[in-house]
N, C-alpha and C. Protein backbone atom coordinates (compact mmCIF):
# COMPACT_ATOMS: atom_id res chain seq x y z
N MET A 1 -50.06 -16.19 -24.07
CA MET A 1 -50.90 -16.22 -22.90
C MET A 1 -51.11 -17.66 -22.45
N PRO A 2 -50.94 -17.92 -21.18
CA PRO A 2 -51.19 -19.26 -20.66
C PRO A 2 -52.69 -19.58 -20.75
N SER A 3 -52.94 -20.81 -21.04
CA SER A 3 -54.33 -21.19 -21.23
C SER A 3 -54.93 -21.85 -20.00
N THR A 4 -54.12 -22.30 -19.07
CA THR A 4 -54.67 -22.99 -17.90
C THR A 4 -54.53 -22.11 -16.66
N THR A 5 -55.33 -22.41 -15.68
CA THR A 5 -55.29 -21.69 -14.42
C THR A 5 -53.94 -21.90 -13.73
N PHE A 6 -53.42 -23.12 -13.81
CA PHE A 6 -52.14 -23.42 -13.20
C PHE A 6 -51.02 -22.57 -13.82
N ALA A 7 -51.01 -22.46 -15.13
CA ALA A 7 -49.98 -21.68 -15.81
C ALA A 7 -50.08 -20.21 -15.46
N ARG A 8 -51.30 -19.68 -15.36
CA ARG A 8 -51.49 -18.27 -15.00
C ARG A 8 -51.01 -18.03 -13.57
N THR A 9 -51.29 -18.95 -12.68
CA THR A 9 -50.87 -18.83 -11.29
C THR A 9 -49.34 -18.85 -11.19
N ARG A 10 -48.74 -19.74 -11.96
CA ARG A 10 -47.28 -19.84 -11.95
C ARG A 10 -46.63 -18.55 -12.46
N VAL A 11 -47.17 -17.97 -13.51
CA VAL A 11 -46.64 -16.71 -14.05
C VAL A 11 -46.80 -15.60 -13.02
N ALA A 12 -47.92 -15.55 -12.34
CA ALA A 12 -48.14 -14.53 -11.33
C ALA A 12 -47.18 -14.71 -10.16
N PHE A 13 -46.93 -15.96 -9.76
CA PHE A 13 -46.01 -16.23 -8.66
C PHE A 13 -44.59 -15.81 -9.02
N VAL A 14 -44.15 -16.13 -10.21
CA VAL A 14 -42.80 -15.76 -10.66
C VAL A 14 -42.67 -14.24 -10.71
N ALA A 15 -43.66 -13.56 -11.22
CA ALA A 15 -43.63 -12.10 -11.27
C ALA A 15 -43.55 -11.51 -9.87
N PHE A 16 -44.31 -12.08 -8.94
CA PHE A 16 -44.27 -11.61 -7.55
C PHE A 16 -42.89 -11.85 -6.94
N ALA A 17 -42.31 -13.02 -7.16
CA ALA A 17 -41.01 -13.37 -6.59
C ALA A 17 -39.91 -12.45 -7.11
N VAL A 18 -39.94 -12.14 -8.40
CA VAL A 18 -38.94 -11.25 -8.98
C VAL A 18 -39.10 -9.85 -8.41
N THR A 19 -40.33 -9.37 -8.31
CA THR A 19 -40.58 -8.05 -7.75
C THR A 19 -40.14 -7.98 -6.30
N ALA A 20 -40.45 -8.99 -5.51
CA ALA A 20 -40.05 -9.02 -4.10
C ALA A 20 -38.54 -9.05 -3.97
N GLY A 21 -37.88 -9.80 -4.82
CA GLY A 21 -36.42 -9.87 -4.77
C GLY A 21 -35.78 -8.55 -5.10
N LEU A 22 -36.34 -7.81 -6.04
CA LEU A 22 -35.77 -6.52 -6.42
C LEU A 22 -36.04 -5.46 -5.37
N THR A 23 -37.22 -5.44 -4.78
CA THR A 23 -37.55 -4.38 -3.84
C THR A 23 -37.02 -4.64 -2.44
N LEU A 24 -36.88 -5.91 -2.05
CA LEU A 24 -36.40 -6.22 -0.72
C LEU A 24 -34.91 -6.52 -0.69
N GLY A 25 -34.26 -6.43 -1.82
CA GLY A 25 -32.84 -6.72 -1.86
C GLY A 25 -32.55 -8.18 -1.63
N GLY A 26 -33.32 -9.03 -2.23
CA GLY A 26 -33.21 -10.47 -2.00
C GLY A 26 -32.02 -11.13 -2.66
N GLY A 27 -31.02 -10.39 -3.02
CA GLY A 27 -29.82 -10.98 -3.57
C GLY A 27 -29.91 -11.23 -5.06
N LEU A 28 -30.92 -10.74 -5.70
CA LEU A 28 -31.05 -10.91 -7.14
C LEU A 28 -30.15 -9.90 -7.84
N THR A 29 -29.20 -10.40 -8.62
CA THR A 29 -28.26 -9.52 -9.30
C THR A 29 -28.52 -9.63 -10.80
N LEU A 30 -28.68 -8.51 -11.41
CA LEU A 30 -28.94 -8.49 -12.84
C LEU A 30 -27.68 -8.18 -13.64
N GLY A 31 -26.55 -7.96 -12.97
CA GLY A 31 -25.30 -7.70 -13.67
C GLY A 31 -25.20 -6.28 -14.20
N VAL A 32 -25.96 -5.37 -13.64
CA VAL A 32 -25.94 -4.00 -14.10
C VAL A 32 -25.41 -3.12 -12.99
N GLY A 33 -24.61 -2.13 -13.34
CA GLY A 33 -24.14 -1.15 -12.35
C GLY A 33 -22.72 -1.44 -11.90
N ALA A 34 -22.22 -0.56 -11.04
CA ALA A 34 -20.86 -0.65 -10.54
C ALA A 34 -20.81 -1.56 -9.31
N PRO A 35 -19.62 -2.06 -8.99
CA PRO A 35 -19.50 -2.86 -7.77
C PRO A 35 -19.71 -1.98 -6.54
N ALA A 36 -19.86 -2.61 -5.39
CA ALA A 36 -20.11 -1.87 -4.16
C ALA A 36 -18.96 -0.93 -3.84
N TYR A 37 -17.77 -1.26 -4.24
CA TYR A 37 -16.63 -0.39 -4.04
C TYR A 37 -15.82 -0.35 -5.33
N ALA A 38 -15.15 0.74 -5.56
CA ALA A 38 -14.32 0.87 -6.75
C ALA A 38 -12.86 0.70 -6.33
N ALA A 39 -12.09 0.06 -7.17
CA ALA A 39 -10.67 -0.10 -6.88
C ALA A 39 -9.98 1.26 -6.94
N PRO A 40 -9.00 1.49 -6.08
CA PRO A 40 -8.30 2.77 -6.10
C PRO A 40 -7.54 2.94 -7.41
N LYS A 41 -7.41 4.16 -7.84
CA LYS A 41 -6.75 4.46 -9.11
C LYS A 41 -5.24 4.29 -8.96
N VAL A 42 -4.64 3.65 -9.94
CA VAL A 42 -3.19 3.50 -9.98
C VAL A 42 -2.66 4.50 -10.99
N TYR A 43 -1.81 5.40 -10.52
CA TYR A 43 -1.26 6.44 -11.39
C TYR A 43 0.03 5.95 -12.04
N ALA A 44 0.26 6.38 -13.27
CA ALA A 44 1.43 5.94 -14.03
C ALA A 44 2.72 6.53 -13.49
N ASN A 45 2.67 7.77 -13.01
CA ASN A 45 3.87 8.42 -12.52
C ASN A 45 3.50 9.56 -11.57
N CYS A 46 4.52 10.20 -11.00
CA CYS A 46 4.26 11.27 -10.03
C CYS A 46 3.66 12.52 -10.67
N THR A 47 3.93 12.74 -11.93
CA THR A 47 3.32 13.88 -12.62
C THR A 47 1.81 13.73 -12.62
N ALA A 48 1.32 12.53 -12.89
CA ALA A 48 -0.12 12.27 -12.89
C ALA A 48 -0.70 12.40 -11.48
N VAL A 49 0.03 11.91 -10.47
CA VAL A 49 -0.43 12.03 -9.09
C VAL A 49 -0.53 13.50 -8.70
N ASN A 50 0.51 14.28 -9.02
CA ASN A 50 0.53 15.69 -8.63
C ASN A 50 -0.49 16.54 -9.38
N LYS A 51 -0.97 16.09 -10.51
CA LYS A 51 -2.07 16.80 -11.18
C LYS A 51 -3.35 16.66 -10.38
N ALA A 52 -3.54 15.49 -9.78
CA ALA A 52 -4.74 15.24 -8.98
C ALA A 52 -4.59 15.76 -7.55
N PHE A 53 -3.44 15.52 -6.94
CA PHE A 53 -3.17 15.92 -5.55
C PHE A 53 -1.79 16.56 -5.51
N SER A 54 -1.73 17.86 -5.41
CA SER A 54 -0.46 18.57 -5.54
C SER A 54 0.57 18.19 -4.49
N GLY A 55 0.13 17.69 -3.34
CA GLY A 55 1.05 17.30 -2.28
C GLY A 55 1.30 15.82 -2.21
N GLY A 56 0.71 15.04 -3.10
CA GLY A 56 0.93 13.60 -3.13
C GLY A 56 -0.17 12.83 -2.40
N ILE A 57 0.11 11.54 -2.19
CA ILE A 57 -0.83 10.64 -1.52
C ILE A 57 -0.12 10.09 -0.29
N ALA A 58 -0.77 10.18 0.87
CA ALA A 58 -0.14 9.74 2.11
C ALA A 58 -1.01 8.73 2.85
N LYS A 59 -0.34 7.94 3.68
CA LYS A 59 -1.07 7.06 4.60
C LYS A 59 -1.76 7.93 5.64
N PRO A 60 -2.90 7.52 6.14
CA PRO A 60 -3.53 8.28 7.22
C PRO A 60 -2.61 8.34 8.45
N GLY A 61 -2.57 9.48 9.09
CA GLY A 61 -1.75 9.64 10.28
C GLY A 61 -0.40 10.28 10.04
N ILE A 62 0.01 10.43 8.80
CA ILE A 62 1.29 11.07 8.50
C ILE A 62 1.14 12.57 8.78
N LYS A 63 2.07 13.12 9.55
CA LYS A 63 2.00 14.53 9.94
C LYS A 63 3.09 15.38 9.29
N VAL A 64 4.26 14.76 9.00
CA VAL A 64 5.39 15.50 8.44
C VAL A 64 6.04 14.70 7.32
N ASN A 65 6.79 15.41 6.49
CA ASN A 65 7.55 14.79 5.43
C ASN A 65 8.96 14.57 5.94
N LEU A 66 9.43 13.33 5.94
CA LEU A 66 10.78 13.03 6.39
C LEU A 66 11.72 13.08 5.21
N VAL A 67 12.69 14.01 5.26
CA VAL A 67 13.63 14.21 4.17
C VAL A 67 15.02 13.83 4.66
N THR A 68 15.67 12.88 3.97
CA THR A 68 17.02 12.48 4.31
C THR A 68 18.00 13.38 3.56
N LYS A 69 18.85 14.05 4.31
CA LYS A 69 19.81 14.98 3.73
C LYS A 69 21.07 14.23 3.28
N ALA A 70 21.98 14.93 2.61
CA ALA A 70 23.19 14.32 2.06
C ALA A 70 24.07 13.72 3.16
N ASN A 71 24.07 14.31 4.35
CA ASN A 71 24.90 13.78 5.44
C ASN A 71 24.17 12.69 6.24
N LYS A 72 23.11 12.14 5.68
CA LYS A 72 22.33 11.03 6.24
C LYS A 72 21.50 11.41 7.46
N THR A 73 21.34 12.68 7.75
CA THR A 73 20.43 13.09 8.82
C THR A 73 19.03 13.23 8.24
N VAL A 74 18.05 13.02 9.08
CA VAL A 74 16.66 13.10 8.65
C VAL A 74 16.06 14.39 9.19
N GLU A 75 15.46 15.14 8.29
CA GLU A 75 14.83 16.42 8.64
C GLU A 75 13.32 16.28 8.49
N LYS A 76 12.59 16.81 9.45
CA LYS A 76 11.12 16.81 9.37
C LYS A 76 10.67 18.12 8.75
N ARG A 77 9.90 18.03 7.68
CA ARG A 77 9.39 19.22 7.00
C ARG A 77 7.87 19.18 6.96
N ALA A 78 7.28 20.35 6.93
CA ALA A 78 5.82 20.46 6.84
C ALA A 78 5.35 19.92 5.49
N LEU A 79 4.15 19.36 5.47
CA LEU A 79 3.56 18.88 4.22
C LEU A 79 3.22 20.08 3.35
N LYS A 80 3.47 19.95 2.06
CA LYS A 80 3.17 21.03 1.12
C LYS A 80 2.09 20.58 0.14
N GLY A 81 1.29 21.52 -0.29
CA GLY A 81 0.26 21.23 -1.28
C GLY A 81 -0.94 20.53 -0.68
N SER A 82 -1.77 20.02 -1.56
CA SER A 82 -2.98 19.31 -1.17
C SER A 82 -2.67 17.82 -1.11
N VAL A 83 -2.51 17.30 0.11
CA VAL A 83 -2.16 15.90 0.31
C VAL A 83 -3.44 15.09 0.50
N LYS A 84 -3.55 13.98 -0.22
CA LYS A 84 -4.68 13.07 -0.09
C LYS A 84 -4.29 11.97 0.89
N PHE A 85 -5.02 11.87 2.01
CA PHE A 85 -4.77 10.84 3.01
C PHE A 85 -5.74 9.68 2.77
N ASP A 86 -5.24 8.57 2.24
CA ASP A 86 -6.09 7.43 1.90
C ASP A 86 -5.24 6.17 1.90
N LYS A 87 -5.57 5.22 2.75
CA LYS A 87 -4.79 3.99 2.90
C LYS A 87 -4.78 3.16 1.61
N ALA A 88 -5.94 2.94 1.03
CA ALA A 88 -6.03 2.10 -0.17
C ALA A 88 -5.37 2.77 -1.38
N LEU A 89 -5.57 4.07 -1.53
CA LEU A 89 -4.97 4.80 -2.64
C LEU A 89 -3.45 4.82 -2.51
N TYR A 90 -2.95 5.00 -1.28
CA TYR A 90 -1.50 4.97 -1.06
C TYR A 90 -0.96 3.58 -1.40
N ALA A 91 -1.62 2.53 -0.95
CA ALA A 91 -1.16 1.16 -1.21
C ALA A 91 -1.09 0.87 -2.71
N ALA A 92 -2.05 1.39 -3.46
CA ALA A 92 -2.07 1.17 -4.90
C ALA A 92 -0.94 1.93 -5.61
N ASN A 93 -0.45 2.99 -4.98
CA ASN A 93 0.58 3.82 -5.60
C ASN A 93 1.86 3.89 -4.77
N ALA A 94 2.09 2.92 -3.91
CA ALA A 94 3.26 2.90 -3.03
C ALA A 94 4.58 2.85 -3.80
N LYS A 95 4.54 2.37 -5.03
CA LYS A 95 5.77 2.30 -5.82
C LYS A 95 6.34 3.70 -6.09
N HIS A 96 5.51 4.74 -5.97
CA HIS A 96 5.97 6.11 -6.19
C HIS A 96 6.56 6.74 -4.93
N ASP A 97 6.56 6.03 -3.83
CA ASP A 97 7.15 6.52 -2.58
C ASP A 97 8.59 6.03 -2.51
N ARG A 98 9.50 6.76 -3.13
CA ARG A 98 10.88 6.31 -3.25
C ARG A 98 11.62 6.31 -1.91
N ASP A 99 11.31 7.27 -1.04
CA ASP A 99 12.02 7.33 0.24
C ASP A 99 11.33 6.56 1.35
N LYS A 100 10.21 5.92 1.06
CA LYS A 100 9.48 5.04 1.99
C LYS A 100 9.10 5.74 3.29
N ASP A 101 8.64 7.01 3.20
CA ASP A 101 8.24 7.75 4.40
C ASP A 101 6.73 7.79 4.58
N GLY A 102 5.99 7.09 3.72
CA GLY A 102 4.54 7.05 3.84
C GLY A 102 3.82 8.08 3.00
N ILE A 103 4.57 8.81 2.16
CA ILE A 103 3.97 9.81 1.28
C ILE A 103 4.49 9.56 -0.13
N ALA A 104 3.60 9.26 -1.06
CA ALA A 104 3.99 9.04 -2.45
C ALA A 104 3.90 10.36 -3.20
N CYS A 105 4.95 10.69 -3.92
CA CYS A 105 5.01 11.89 -4.78
C CYS A 105 4.87 13.19 -4.00
N GLU A 106 5.50 13.25 -2.83
CA GLU A 106 5.39 14.47 -2.01
C GLU A 106 6.25 15.59 -2.58
N LYS A 107 5.87 16.79 -2.19
CA LYS A 107 6.66 17.99 -2.49
C LYS A 107 7.50 18.27 -1.24
N SER A 108 8.80 18.29 -1.38
CA SER A 108 9.64 18.47 -0.19
C SER A 108 10.05 19.91 0.04
């Protein structure tokens, strides 16, 4: 316990400042909790992607699956399964998009 009036006042002021910082969002960080955003999950392979999203992961705005046939013609096919449309998730897993059509691990 502080023995002087000055010390008691200082303790009260510090307690008030900490409380105000916590309740008003004064930028006081205690290092607890998750960040404001979570990094997108990077899947090891297409089997793991298809367990979570049966139709793969696509960039927003993709409407069809572009399939290149043996004679080098491109065929447009409807999307199959449950496709997750997410820009950040696609970017994190773009290595699984072998045909570079904007859909990683698609079902053709």
